[in-house]
Protein backbone atom coordinates (compact mmCIF):
# COMPACT_ATOMS: atom_id res chain seq x y z
CA MET A 1 -16.14 -13.99 10.63
CA LEU A 2 -18.03 -17.16 11.56
CA HIS A 3 -19.10 -18.01 8.01
CA SER A 4 -15.84 -17.16 6.26
CA PRO A 5 -14.26 -20.11 4.38
CA CYS A 6 -11.10 -19.54 6.44
CA SER A 7 -12.77 -19.21 9.85
CA PRO A 8 -12.07 -21.67 12.70
CA ALA A 9 -15.62 -22.98 12.25
CA ALA A 10 -15.02 -23.66 8.54
CA ASN A 11 -11.70 -25.35 9.30
CA PHE A 12 -13.41 -27.53 11.90
CA LEU A 13 -16.12 -28.57 9.47
CA GLN A 14 -13.55 -29.41 6.81
CA SER A 15 -11.82 -31.74 9.28
CA GLN A 16 -14.99 -33.82 9.76
CA PRO A 17 -14.90 -37.17 7.94
CA TRP A 18 -18.39 -36.68 6.47
CA HIS A 19 -17.81 -33.15 5.13
CA ALA A 20 -15.88 -34.03 1.95
CA SER A 21 -18.73 -36.24 0.73
CA LEU A 22 -21.11 -33.27 0.57
CA ALA A 23 -21.59 -31.36 -2.66
CA PRO A 24 -19.94 -27.88 -2.64
CA GLU A 25 -23.31 -26.14 -2.37
CA GLU A 26 -24.24 -28.37 0.60
CA GLN A 27 -20.94 -27.58 2.30
CA LEU A 28 -21.63 -23.86 1.91
CA ARG A 29 -25.21 -24.24 3.18
CA VAL A 30 -24.04 -26.06 6.30
CA LEU A 31 -21.40 -23.40 7.01
CA GLU A 32 -23.88 -20.55 6.56
CA ARG A 33 -26.31 -22.03 9.10
CA LEU A 34 -23.81 -22.50 11.94
CA THR A 35 -24.16 -20.48 15.14
CA LEU A 36 -21.88 -20.01 18.15
CA VAL A 37 -22.37 -20.13 21.92
CA GLU A 38 -19.58 -18.53 23.96
CA GLY A 39 -18.90 -18.31 27.67
CA GLY A 40 -16.27 -18.09 30.38
CA LYS A 41 -15.11 -20.59 32.96
CA GLY A 42 -18.01 -21.65 35.19
CA ASP A 43 -20.75 -20.40 32.87
CA CYS A 44 -23.76 -22.57 32.06
CA LEU A 45 -23.66 -22.54 28.28
CA LEU A 46 -26.71 -24.75 27.71
CA PRO A 47 -29.15 -25.10 30.61
CA LEU A 48 -31.17 -28.08 31.74
CA GLY A 49 -34.73 -27.92 30.44
CA ALA A 50 -34.04 -25.65 27.47
CA GLN A 51 -35.38 -26.71 24.09
CA VAL A 52 -32.56 -28.29 22.11
CA GLN A 53 -31.58 -26.15 19.12
CA GLY A 54 -29.10 -28.44 17.40
CA TRP A 55 -26.05 -30.68 17.60
CA TYR A 56 -23.09 -29.08 19.35
CA ALA A 57 -19.32 -29.31 19.04
CA VAL A 58 -16.67 -27.77 21.29
CA LEU A 59 -14.77 -25.45 18.98
CA SER A 60 -12.41 -24.37 21.76
CA GLY A 61 -12.25 -24.95 25.50
CA LEU A 62 -13.67 -27.77 27.62
CA VAL A 63 -17.14 -28.49 29.00
CA LYS A 64 -18.71 -30.93 31.41
CA LEU A 65 -22.22 -32.34 31.14
CA GLN A 66 -23.84 -32.55 34.55
CA SER A 67 -27.17 -33.32 36.14
CA ALA A 68 -28.58 -32.86 39.63
CA SER A 69 -30.63 -35.24 41.77
CA ALA A 70 -33.88 -34.24 43.50
CA GLU A 71 -31.77 -33.76 46.66
CA GLY A 72 -29.52 -31.30 44.83
CA ARG A 73 -26.48 -33.57 44.44
CA VAL A 74 -24.64 -32.56 41.27
CA GLN A 75 -22.97 -35.26 39.18
CA ALA A 76 -20.78 -34.60 36.16
CA PHE A 77 -21.03 -37.55 33.79
CA LEU A 78 -18.99 -36.53 30.78
CA GLY A 79 -16.26 -34.11 29.80
CA VAL A 80 -16.10 -32.94 26.19
CA PRO A 81 -12.86 -31.38 24.89
CA ALA A 82 -12.25 -29.19 21.87
CA GLY A 83 -12.91 -30.96 18.58
CA GLU A 84 -15.73 -33.24 19.80
CA TRP A 85 -19.49 -33.27 19.26
CA PHE A 86 -22.07 -33.92 21.98
CA GLY A 87 -25.85 -33.94 22.42
CA GLU A 88 -26.66 -36.17 19.46
CA GLY A 89 -29.26 -38.11 21.47
CA SER A 90 -31.15 -34.93 22.29
CA ALA A 91 -30.85 -33.74 18.69
CA LEU A 92 -32.29 -37.01 17.39
CA LYS A 93 -35.26 -36.75 19.74
CA ALA A 94 -35.60 -32.94 19.54
CA GLU A 95 -36.38 -32.93 23.26
CA ARG A 96 -35.64 -30.52 26.07
CA ARG A 97 -32.12 -30.78 27.39
CA ARG A 98 -31.73 -33.21 30.29
CA TYR A 99 -28.47 -31.79 31.65
CA ASP A 100 -26.51 -28.57 32.10
CA VAL A 101 -23.48 -27.89 29.92
CA ILE A 102 -20.89 -26.07 32.06
CA ALA A 103 -17.69 -24.46 30.77
CA LEU A 104 -14.60 -25.66 32.67
CA ARG A 105 -12.56 -22.98 30.90
CA ASP A 106 -13.32 -20.20 28.42
CA THR A 107 -15.26 -22.06 25.73
CA THR A 108 -16.85 -21.62 22.31
CA LEU A 109 -19.49 -24.07 21.13
CA LEU A 110 -20.50 -24.60 17.53
CA CYS A 111 -24.17 -25.36 16.87
CA LEU A 112 -25.36 -27.31 13.84
CA PRO A 113 -29.08 -26.36 13.86
CA LEU A 114 -31.65 -29.13 14.03
CA PRO A 115 -33.01 -28.61 10.47
CA VAL A 116 -29.47 -28.94 9.06
CA PHE A 117 -28.73 -31.93 11.30
CA GLU A 118 -31.91 -33.67 10.14
CA ALA A 119 -31.27 -32.85 6.46
CA LEU A 120 -27.80 -34.39 6.68
CA ARG A 121 -29.17 -37.43 8.48
CA GLN A 122 -31.75 -37.92 5.73
CA SER A 123 -29.38 -37.43 2.79
CA SER A 124 -25.76 -38.25 3.70
CA LEU A 125 -24.54 -41.82 4.15
CA ALA A 126 -21.15 -40.58 5.39
CA PHE A 127 -22.84 -38.38 8.00
CA ASN A 128 -24.93 -41.33 9.23
CA GLN A 129 -21.90 -43.61 9.39
CA TYR A 130 -20.06 -41.02 11.49
CA LEU A 131 -23.11 -40.53 13.72
CA VAL A 132 -23.48 -44.28 14.37
CA ALA A 133 -19.77 -44.62 15.23
CA HIS A 134 -20.03 -41.59 17.52
CA LEU A 135 -23.12 -42.99 19.27
CA ASN A 136 -21.36 -46.33 19.74
CA ARG A 137 -18.42 -44.59 21.40
CA ARG A 138 -20.77 -42.65 23.69
CA LEU A 139 -22.46 -45.94 24.66
CA GLY A 140 -19.07 -47.38 25.63
CA GLN A 141 -18.35 -44.30 27.71
CA ALA A 142 -21.73 -44.53 29.42
CA MET A 143 -21.14 -48.16 30.39
CA ALA A 144 -17.69 -47.32 31.72
CA LEU A 145 -19.14 -44.45 33.77
CA ILE A 146 -21.83 -46.64 35.31
CA GLU A 147 -19.19 -49.17 36.34
CA ALA A 148 -16.86 -46.47 37.66
CA GLU A 149 -19.57 -44.89 39.79
CA ARG A 150 -20.68 -48.19 41.32
CA LEU A 151 -17.56 -50.32 41.59
CA ARG A 152 -14.29 -48.52 41.12
CA SER A 153 -11.81 -46.98 43.51
CA ALA A 154 -10.60 -43.40 43.20
CA GLU A 155 -7.40 -44.65 41.55
CA GLU A 156 -9.33 -46.63 38.95
CA ARG A 157 -11.69 -43.72 38.25
CA VAL A 158 -8.83 -41.30 37.62
CA ALA A 159 -7.12 -43.85 35.35
CA LEU A 160 -10.39 -44.33 33.45
CA TYR A 161 -10.77 -40.60 32.85
CA LEU A 162 -7.19 -40.44 31.55
CA SER A 163 -7.69 -43.36 29.17
CA ARG A 164 -8.57 -43.58 25.49
CA VAL A 165 -12.17 -44.26 26.48
CA PHE A 166 -12.50 -40.48 26.86
CA TRP A 167 -9.47 -39.12 25.02
CA PRO A 168 -8.93 -41.23 21.87
CA GLY A 169 -5.50 -40.69 20.39
CA ALA A 170 -4.44 -38.03 22.92
CA ARG A 171 -1.46 -38.94 25.09
CA ARG A 172 -0.83 -35.38 26.26
CA LEU A 173 -3.88 -34.09 28.09
CA SER A 174 -4.35 -30.39 28.82
CA LEU A 175 -6.23 -30.96 32.07
CA SER A 176 -5.79 -29.28 35.42
CA GLN A 177 -6.32 -31.23 38.64
CA GLU A 178 -9.37 -29.08 39.31
CA GLU A 179 -10.87 -30.03 35.92
CA LEU A 180 -10.08 -33.72 36.43
CA GLY A 181 -11.75 -33.52 39.83
CA HIS A 182 -14.90 -32.08 38.25
CA LEU A 183 -15.00 -34.91 35.70
CA THR A 184 -14.28 -37.79 38.09
CA GLY A 185 -16.50 -36.52 40.91
CA LEU A 186 -13.53 -36.58 43.29
CA SER A 187 -12.05 -33.80 45.38
CA ARG A 188 -8.98 -31.97 44.12
CA GLN A 189 -7.02 -33.36 47.08
CA THR A 190 -7.90 -36.93 46.10
CA VAL A 191 -6.99 -36.30 42.46
CA ASN A 192 -3.69 -34.76 43.57
CA ARG A 193 -2.90 -37.82 45.70
CA VAL A 194 -3.80 -40.30 42.95
CA LEU A 195 -1.85 -38.44 40.26
CA GLY A 196 1.17 -38.21 42.55
CA GLN A 197 1.01 -41.96 43.10
CA MET A 198 0.73 -42.57 39.34
CA ALA A 199 3.70 -40.28 38.69
CA ARG A 200 5.82 -42.19 41.22
CA GLN A 201 4.86 -45.44 39.47
CA GLY A 202 5.96 -43.99 36.12
CA LEU A 203 2.49 -44.10 34.59
CA VAL A 204 2.21 -40.34 34.01
CA SER A 205 4.25 -37.17 34.24
CA LEU A 206 2.75 -33.98 35.63
CA LYS A 207 3.28 -30.45 34.42
CA PHE A 208 1.33 -27.29 35.12
CA GLY A 209 -2.16 -27.84 33.69
CA ARG A 210 -1.08 -30.96 31.83
CA VAL A 211 -0.86 -34.73 32.27
CA ASP A 212 1.34 -36.80 29.93
CA ILE A 213 0.69 -40.55 29.64
CA LEU A 214 4.03 -42.38 29.89
CA ASP A 215 2.98 -46.04 30.25
CA GLU A 216 -0.39 -46.63 28.64
CA PRO A 217 -0.50 -50.45 29.10
CA ALA A 218 0.17 -50.04 32.82
CA LEU A 219 -2.41 -47.24 33.04
CA LEU A 220 -4.98 -49.47 31.33
CA GLY A 221 -4.21 -52.18 33.89
CA HIS A 222 -4.71 -49.61 36.64
CA GLU A 223 -7.98 -48.52 35.03
CA ALA A 224 -9.18 -52.12 34.93
CA GLY A 225 -8.27 -52.66 38.56
CA LYS A 226 -5.46 -55.10 37.73
CA SER A 227 -2.57 -53.25 39.31
CA PRO A 228 -0.99 -55.17 42.20
CA GLY A 229 -1.91 -53.98 45.65
CA ALA A 230 -4.72 -51.77 44.39
CA PRO A 231 -6.29 -49.85 47.29
CA LYS A 232 -9.82 -50.51 48.39
CA PRO A 233 -12.53 -48.30 46.85
CA VAL A 234 -12.70 -44.71 47.99
CA GLY A 235 -15.91 -42.68 48.09
CA GLY A 236 -16.96 -39.77 45.94
CA ARG A 237 -16.21 -36.05 46.07
CA GLY A 238 -14.90 -34.78 49.33
CA GLN A 239 -13.09 -38.02 50.21
């Protein structure tokens, strides 16, 4: 049951750094107001233009946030793995969603409804501290994405998307080449070539549906474009 004290949703809430500061009755009230959004691989879980209902976390699975230009060109700009929140900007402004949320694998989202989000923001210092830190991290990711889209080669973009900028603390990433291609905006063939090159250099090891980081300092150098003999920039998807 979603609202059971032993449910995955309850366990997720209890793992949040702001949760322990809430009074027991507040903890129960937050749990009782949670809702779920579920879908399979390829489903649009939250569509562009829909009224935002709350702040979302990926309880299980993996999603990408994507937008489309007037010409119909689709661009994924962020991947969100299990255990992470997203959409705080939209929740703060209570606006219509400016992007589609697409499941890259079978996924369950947890929704903290807007009234609960706003009540926590008004009353909990710990919640606000977490929210500010989270927004600061998202700002860093946004700046890295802008640079990657404009300046970086395919090799540098893949290294960026494997780095702690997007996966803090995780050195074993459960990502397929198809999923990494969706996130970087590169074709699967290009991702396969780049990962193979990184594996030969000893930066990563590749297993089915998984990438292990072996040499993080060297990967960070690759991500920053400091690796010797770095290739010239390669174009976007389909290259």
